[in-house]
Amino acid sequence: MMKAILKIPNMSCQHCVMRISKAIESVGAKGEISLEKKTAVVEFDPEKTRLEDIVRAIERYGYEVEVE
């Protein structure tokens, strides 16, 4: 399993957290999302899911994503 930290600067409420969590799970990854830090720590199997797929899934919901 690999981990990555994603900055999501335009996340602003609990609804955002739920949507981002749904996006991460839709591509087969797990995420720990912090509204306070505006980050998502994602854990994924690189043989099944690419980091780019996770970023794209979140961006489809209208969020900006920066990989740390």
PDB file of N, CA and C in Angstrom:
ATOM      1  N   MET A   1       0.843  -1.195   0.000  1.00  0.00           N
ATOM      2  CA  MET A   1       0.000   0.000   0.000  1.00  0.00           C
ATOM      3  C   MET A   1       0.876   1.242   0.000  1.00  0.00           C
ATOM      4  N   MET A   2       0.420   2.245  -0.719  1.00  0.00           N
ATOM      5  CA  MET A   2       1.115   3.527  -0.758  1.00  0.00           C
ATOM      6  C   MET A   2       0.241   4.582  -0.105  1.00  0.00           C
ATOM      7  N   LYS A   3       0.894   5.616   0.410  1.00  0.00           N
ATOM      8  CA  LYS A   3       0.170   6.745   0.997  1.00  0.00           C
ATOM      9  C   LYS A   3       0.582   8.018   0.282  1.00  0.00           C
ATOM     10  N   ALA A   4      -0.360   8.941   0.190  1.00  0.00           N
ATOM     11  CA  ALA A   4      -0.071  10.253  -0.388  1.00  0.00           C
ATOM     12  C   ALA A   4      -0.901  11.283   0.366  1.00  0.00           C
ATOM     13  N   ILE A   5      -0.365  12.487   0.450  1.00  0.00           N
ATOM     14  CA  ILE A   5      -1.092  13.587   1.084  1.00  0.00           C
ATOM     15  C   ILE A   5      -1.530  14.535  -0.015  1.00  0.00           C
ATOM     16  N   LEU A   6      -2.826  14.824  -0.042  1.00  0.00           N
ATOM     17  CA  LEU A   6      -3.385  15.729  -1.034  1.00  0.00           C
ATOM     18  C   LEU A   6      -3.901  16.978  -0.339  1.00  0.00           C
ATOM     19  N   LYS A   7      -3.524  18.140  -0.838  1.00  0.00           N
ATOM     20  CA  LYS A   7      -4.072  19.397  -0.331  1.00  0.00           C
ATOM     21  C   LYS A   7      -5.303  19.721  -1.167  1.00  0.00           C
ATOM     22  N   ILE A   8      -6.381  20.074  -0.481  1.00  0.00           N
ATOM     23  CA  ILE A   8      -7.633  20.418  -1.160  1.00  0.00           C
ATOM     24  C   ILE A   8      -8.079  21.770  -0.597  1.00  0.00           C
ATOM     25  N   PRO A   9      -7.519  22.863  -1.139  1.00  0.00           N
ATOM     26  CA  PRO A   9      -7.718  24.186  -0.537  1.00  0.00           C
ATOM     27  C   PRO A   9      -9.153  24.712  -0.563  1.00  0.00           C
ATOM     28  N   ASN A  10      -9.985  24.277  -1.521  1.00  0.00           N
ATOM     29  CA  ASN A  10     -11.339  24.832  -1.560  1.00  0.00           C
ATOM     30  C   ASN A  10     -12.373  23.938  -0.869  1.00  0.00           C
ATOM     31  N   MET A  11     -11.926  23.040   0.003  1.00  0.00           N
ATOM     32  CA  MET A  11     -12.824  22.255   0.839  1.00  0.00           C
ATOM     33  C   MET A  11     -13.278  23.159   1.992  1.00  0.00           C
ATOM     34  N   SER A  12     -14.611  23.261   2.208  1.00  0.00           N
ATOM     35  CA  SER A  12     -15.062  24.246   3.195  1.00  0.00           C
ATOM     36  C   SER A  12     -16.055  23.742   4.243  1.00  0.00           C
ATOM     37  N   CYS A  13     -16.582  22.518   4.074  1.00  0.00           N
ATOM     38  CA  CYS A  13     -17.597  22.071   5.035  1.00  0.00           C
ATOM     39  C   CYS A  13     -17.640  20.549   5.110  1.00  0.00           C
ATOM     40  N   GLN A  14     -18.485  20.038   5.992  1.00  0.00           N
ATOM     41  CA  GLN A  14     -18.609  18.596   6.168  1.00  0.00           C
ATOM     42  C   GLN A  14     -19.155  17.924   4.910  1.00  0.00           C
ATOM     43  N   HIS A  15     -19.988  18.629   4.172  1.00  0.00           N
ATOM     44  CA  HIS A  15     -20.513  18.091   2.910  1.00  0.00           C
ATOM     45  C   HIS A  15     -19.364  17.851   1.935  1.00  0.00           C
ATOM     46  N   CYS A  16     -18.406  18.761   1.906  1.00  0.00           N
ATOM     47  CA  CYS A  16     -17.212  18.595   1.059  1.00  0.00           C
ATOM     48  C   CYS A  16     -16.458  17.332   1.463  1.00  0.00           C
ATOM     49  N   VAL A  17     -16.307  17.128   2.755  1.00  0.00           N
ATOM     50  CA  VAL A  17     -15.592  15.959   3.266  1.00  0.00           C
ATOM     51  C   VAL A  17     -16.269  14.680   2.769  1.00  0.00           C
ATOM     52  N   MET A  18     -17.599  14.646   2.831  1.00  0.00           N
ATOM     53  CA  MET A  18     -18.335  13.461   2.394  1.00  0.00           C
ATOM     54  C   MET A  18     -18.163  13.229   0.893  1.00  0.00           C
ATOM     55  N   ARG A  19     -18.227  14.291   0.109  1.00  0.00           N
ATOM     56  CA  ARG A  19     -18.083  14.144  -1.347  1.00  0.00           C
ATOM     57  C   ARG A  19     -16.679  13.680  -1.719  1.00  0.00           C
ATOM     58  N   ILE A  20     -15.670  14.231  -1.056  1.00  0.00           N
ATOM     59  CA  ILE A  20     -14.285  13.844  -1.343  1.00  0.00           C
ATOM     60  C   ILE A  20     -14.059  12.389  -0.930  1.00  0.00           C
ATOM     61  N   SER A  21     -14.609  11.993   0.199  1.00  0.00           N
ATOM     62  CA  SER A  21     -14.493  10.610   0.651  1.00  0.00           C
ATOM     63  C   SER A  21     -15.126   9.668  -0.370  1.00  0.00           C
ATOM     64  N   LYS A  22     -16.283  10.031  -0.878  1.00  0.00           N
ATOM     65  CA  LYS A  22     -16.983   9.232  -1.888  1.00  0.00           C
ATOM     66  C   LYS A  22     -16.140   9.121  -3.161  1.00  0.00           C
ATOM     67  N   ALA A  23     -15.517  10.219  -3.560  1.00  0.00           N
ATOM     68  CA  ALA A  23     -14.676  10.223  -4.763  1.00  0.00           C
ATOM     69  C   ALA A  23     -13.478   9.295  -4.591  1.00  0.00           C
ATOM     70  N   ILE A  24     -12.843   9.356  -3.428  1.00  0.00           N
ATOM     71  CA  ILE A  24     -11.671   8.516  -3.153  1.00  0.00           C
ATOM     72  C   ILE A  24     -12.061   7.037  -3.164  1.00  0.00           C
ATOM     73  N   GLU A  25     -13.168   6.724  -2.524  1.00  0.00           N
ATOM     74  CA  GLU A  25     -13.623   5.333  -2.460  1.00  0.00           C
ATOM     75  C   GLU A  25     -14.068   4.814  -3.826  1.00  0.00           C
ATOM     76  N   SER A  26     -14.535   5.700  -4.704  1.00  0.00           N
ATOM     77  CA  SER A  26     -15.027   5.280  -6.023  1.00  0.00           C
ATOM     78  C   SER A  26     -13.935   4.693  -6.906  1.00  0.00           C
ATOM     79  N   VAL A  27     -12.675   5.003  -6.602  1.00  0.00           N
ATOM     80  CA  VAL A  27     -11.563   4.446  -7.380  1.00  0.00           C
ATOM     81  C   VAL A  27     -10.791   3.378  -6.589  1.00  0.00           C
ATOM     82  N   GLY A  28     -11.370   2.919  -5.482  1.00  0.00           N
ATOM     83  CA  GLY A  28     -10.777   1.812  -4.741  1.00  0.00           C
ATOM     84  C   GLY A  28      -9.696   2.184  -3.747  1.00  0.00           C
ATOM     85  N   ALA A  29      -9.704   3.423  -3.287  1.00  0.00           N
ATOM     86  CA  ALA A  29      -8.717   3.869  -2.303  1.00  0.00           C
ATOM     87  C   ALA A  29      -9.433   4.194  -0.987  1.00  0.00           C
ATOM     88  N   LYS A  30      -8.630   4.430   0.046  1.00  0.00           N
ATOM     89  CA  LYS A  30      -9.169   4.845   1.346  1.00  0.00           C
ATOM     90  C   LYS A  30      -8.600   6.220   1.653  1.00  0.00           C
ATOM     91  N   GLY A  31      -9.368   7.026   2.355  1.00  0.00           N
ATOM     92  CA  GLY A  31      -8.872   8.355   2.675  1.00  0.00           C
ATOM     93  C   GLY A  31      -9.254   8.818   4.056  1.00  0.00           C
ATOM     94  N   GLU A  32      -8.337   9.561   4.675  1.00  0.00           N
ATOM     95  CA  GLU A  32      -8.603  10.209   5.962  1.00  0.00           C
ATOM     96  C   GLU A  32      -8.583  11.702   5.673  1.00  0.00           C
ATOM     97  N   ILE A  33      -9.744  12.323   5.760  1.00  0.00           N
ATOM     98  CA  ILE A  33      -9.889  13.704   5.323  1.00  0.00           C
ATOM     99  C   ILE A  33      -9.965  14.623   6.532  1.00  0.00           C
ATOM    100  N   SER A  34      -9.195  15.716   6.481  1.00  0.00           N
ATOM    101  CA  SER A  34      -9.195  16.701   7.560  1.00  0.00           C
ATOM    102  C   SER A  34      -9.681  18.031   7.009  1.00  0.00           C
ATOM    103  N   LEU A  35     -10.861  18.443   7.471  1.00  0.00           N
ATOM    104  CA  LEU A  35     -11.409  19.740   7.059  1.00  0.00           C
ATOM    105  C   LEU A  35     -10.544  20.869   7.600  1.00  0.00           C
ATOM    106  N   GLU A  36     -10.054  20.729   8.837  1.00  0.00           N
ATOM    107  CA  GLU A  36      -9.240  21.772   9.464  1.00  0.00           C
ATOM    108  C   GLU A  36      -7.944  22.021   8.687  1.00  0.00           C
ATOM    109  N   LYS A  37      -7.289  20.927   8.276  1.00  0.00           N
ATOM    110  CA  LYS A  37      -6.014  21.057   7.561  1.00  0.00           C
ATOM    111  C   LYS A  37      -6.198  21.189   6.056  1.00  0.00           C
ATOM    112  N   LYS A  38      -7.437  20.931   5.596  1.00  0.00           N
ATOM    113  CA  LYS A  38      -7.756  20.936   4.159  1.00  0.00           C
ATOM    114  C   LYS A  38      -6.872  19.948   3.399  1.00  0.00           C
ATOM    115  N   THR A  39      -6.776  18.739   3.985  1.00  0.00           N
ATOM    116  CA  THR A  39      -5.975  17.689   3.360  1.00  0.00           C
ATOM    117  C   THR A  39      -6.735  16.362   3.359  1.00  0.00           C
ATOM    118  N   ALA A  40      -6.271  15.478   2.495  1.00  0.00           N
ATOM    119  CA  ALA A  40      -6.741  14.099   2.493  1.00  0.00           C
ATOM    120  C   ALA A  40      -5.501  13.221   2.441  1.00  0.00           C
ATOM    121  N   VAL A  41      -5.387  12.316   3.404  1.00  0.00           N
ATOM    122  CA  VAL A  41      -4.306  11.340   3.378  1.00  0.00           C
ATOM    123  C   VAL A  41      -4.922  10.088   2.753  1.00  0.00           C
ATOM    124  N   VAL A  42      -4.456   9.742   1.560  1.00  0.00           N
ATOM    125  CA  VAL A  42      -5.036   8.605   0.852  1.00  0.00           C
ATOM    126  C   VAL A  42      -4.097   7.408   0.895  1.00  0.00           C
ATOM    127  N   GLU A  43      -4.699   6.243   1.005  1.00  0.00           N
ATOM    128  CA  GLU A  43      -3.950   4.981   1.010  1.00  0.00           C
ATOM    129  C   GLU A  43      -4.515   4.132  -0.123  1.00  0.00           C
ATOM    130  N   PHE A  44      -3.610   3.624  -0.970  1.00  0.00           N
ATOM    131  CA  PHE A  44      -4.079   2.877  -2.141  1.00  0.00           C
ATOM    132  C   PHE A  44      -3.060   1.827  -2.560  1.00  0.00           C
ATOM    133  N   ASP A  45      -3.540   0.843  -3.293  1.00  0.00           N
ATOM    134  CA  ASP A  45      -2.694  -0.217  -3.845  1.00  0.00           C
ATOM    135  C   ASP A  45      -2.301   0.223  -5.259  1.00  0.00           C
ATOM    136  N   PRO A  46      -1.027   0.527  -5.491  1.00  0.00           N
ATOM    137  CA  PRO A  46      -0.602   1.039  -6.796  1.00  0.00           C
ATOM    138  C   PRO A  46      -0.785   0.043  -7.944  1.00  0.00           C
ATOM    139  N   GLU A  47      -0.999  -1.217  -7.615  1.00  0.00           N
ATOM    140  CA  GLU A  47      -1.262  -2.199  -8.667  1.00  0.00           C
ATOM    141  C   GLU A  47      -2.710  -2.157  -9.129  1.00  0.00           C
ATOM    142  N   LYS A  48      -3.574  -1.524  -8.331  1.00  0.00           N
ATOM    143  CA  LYS A  48      -4.997  -1.448  -8.666  1.00  0.00           C
ATOM    144  C   LYS A  48      -5.446  -0.025  -8.994  1.00  0.00           C
ATOM    145  N   THR A  49      -4.852   0.965  -8.349  1.00  0.00           N
ATOM    146  CA  THR A  49      -5.265   2.354  -8.501  1.00  0.00           C
ATOM    147  C   THR A  49      -4.040   3.244  -8.605  1.00  0.00           C
ATOM    148  N   ARG A  50      -4.099   4.215  -9.512  1.00  0.00           N
ATOM    149  CA  ARG A  50      -3.002   5.179  -9.633  1.00  0.00           C
ATOM    150  C   ARG A  50      -3.384   6.461  -8.890  1.00  0.00           C
ATOM    151  N   LEU A  51      -2.391   7.176  -8.412  1.00  0.00           N
ATOM    152  CA  LEU A  51      -2.626   8.441  -7.719  1.00  0.00           C
ATOM    153  C   LEU A  51      -3.358   9.416  -8.637  1.00  0.00           C
ATOM    154  N   GLU A  52      -3.014   9.411  -9.919  1.00  0.00           N
ATOM    155  CA  GLU A  52      -3.672  10.307 -10.881  1.00  0.00           C
ATOM    156  C   GLU A  52      -5.180  10.044 -10.944  1.00  0.00           C
ATOM    157  N   ASP A  53      -5.576   8.759 -10.808  1.00  0.00           N
ATOM    158  CA  ASP A  53      -7.000   8.419 -10.836  1.00  0.00           C
ATOM    159  C   ASP A  53      -7.723   8.994  -9.619  1.00  0.00           C
ATOM    160  N   ILE A  54      -7.056   8.965  -8.470  1.00  0.00           N
ATOM    161  CA  ILE A  54      -7.640   9.508  -7.242  1.00  0.00           C
ATOM    162  C   ILE A  54      -7.811  11.024  -7.381  1.00  0.00           C
ATOM    163  N   VAL A  55      -6.765  11.689  -7.861  1.00  0.00           N
ATOM    164  CA  VAL A  55      -6.814  13.147  -8.047  1.00  0.00           C
ATOM    165  C   VAL A  55      -7.934  13.507  -9.018  1.00  0.00           C
ATOM    166  N   ARG A  56      -8.028  12.799 -10.144  1.00  0.00           N
ATOM    167  CA  ARG A  56      -9.068  13.084 -11.137  1.00  0.00           C
ATOM    168  C   ARG A  56     -10.466  12.883 -10.568  1.00  0.00           C
ATOM    169  N   ALA A  57     -10.645  11.842  -9.747  1.00  0.00           N
ATOM    170  CA  ALA A  57     -11.954  11.573  -9.141  1.00  0.00           C
ATOM    171  C   ALA A  57     -12.381  12.734  -8.242  1.00  0.00           C
ATOM    172  N   ILE A  58     -11.446  13.284  -7.477  1.00  0.00           N
ATOM    173  CA  ILE A  58     -11.763  14.423  -6.602  1.00  0.00           C
ATOM    174  C   ILE A  58     -12.030  15.673  -7.442  1.00  0.00           C
ATOM    175  N   GLU A  59     -11.232  15.889  -8.474  1.00  0.00           N
ATOM    176  CA  GLU A  59     -11.409  17.062  -9.328  1.00  0.00           C
ATOM    177  C   GLU A  59     -12.754  17.042 -10.054  1.00  0.00           C
ATOM    178  N   ARG A  60     -13.265  15.856 -10.358  1.00  0.00           N
ATOM    179  CA  ARG A  60     -14.578  15.752 -11.023  1.00  0.00           C
ATOM    180  C   ARG A  60     -15.685  16.348 -10.165  1.00  0.00           C
ATOM    181  N   TYR A  61     -15.489  16.362  -8.853  1.00  0.00           N
ATOM    182  CA  TYR A  61     -16.461  16.967  -7.940  1.00  0.00           C
ATOM    183  C   TYR A  61     -16.258  18.483  -7.810  1.00  0.00           C
ATOM    184  N   GLY A  62     -15.277  19.024  -8.521  1.00  0.00           N
ATOM    185  CA  GLY A  62     -15.071  20.465  -8.536  1.00  0.00           C
ATOM    186  C   GLY A  62     -14.040  20.982  -7.545  1.00  0.00           C
ATOM    187  N   TYR A  63     -13.228  20.101  -6.986  1.00  0.00           N
ATOM    188  CA  TYR A  63     -12.227  20.530  -6.006  1.00  0.00           C
ATOM    189  C   TYR A  63     -10.844  20.629  -6.652  1.00  0.00           C
ATOM    190  N   GLU A  64     -10.075  21.590  -6.178  1.00  0.00           N
ATOM    191  CA  GLU A  64      -8.676  21.709  -6.592  1.00  0.00           C
ATOM    192  C   GLU A  64      -7.872  20.730  -5.746  1.00  0.00           C
ATOM    193  N   VAL A  65      -6.877  20.076  -6.356  1.00  0.00           N
ATOM    194  CA  VAL A  65      -6.071  19.098  -5.634  1.00  0.00           C
ATOM    195  C   VAL A  65      -4.600  19.349  -5.933  1.00  0.00           C
ATOM    196  N   GLU A  66      -3.810  19.399  -4.870  1.00  0.00           N
ATOM    197  CA  GLU A  66      -2.356  19.528  -4.990  1.00  0.00           C
ATOM    198  C   GLU A  66      -1.731  18.328  -4.267  1.00  0.00           C
ATOM    199  N   VAL A  67      -0.815  17.637  -4.940  1.00  0.00           N
ATOM    200  CA  VAL A  67      -0.121  16.509  -4.322  1.00  0.00           C
ATOM    201  C   VAL A  67       1.083  17.048  -3.558  1.00  0.00           C
ATOM    202  N   GLU A  68       1.178  16.690  -2.276  1.00  0.00           N
ATOM    203  CA  GLU A  68       2.328  17.139  -1.465  1.00  0.00           C
ATOM    204  C   GLU A  68       3.496  16.220  -1.645  1.00  0.00           C
TER     205      GLU A  68
END
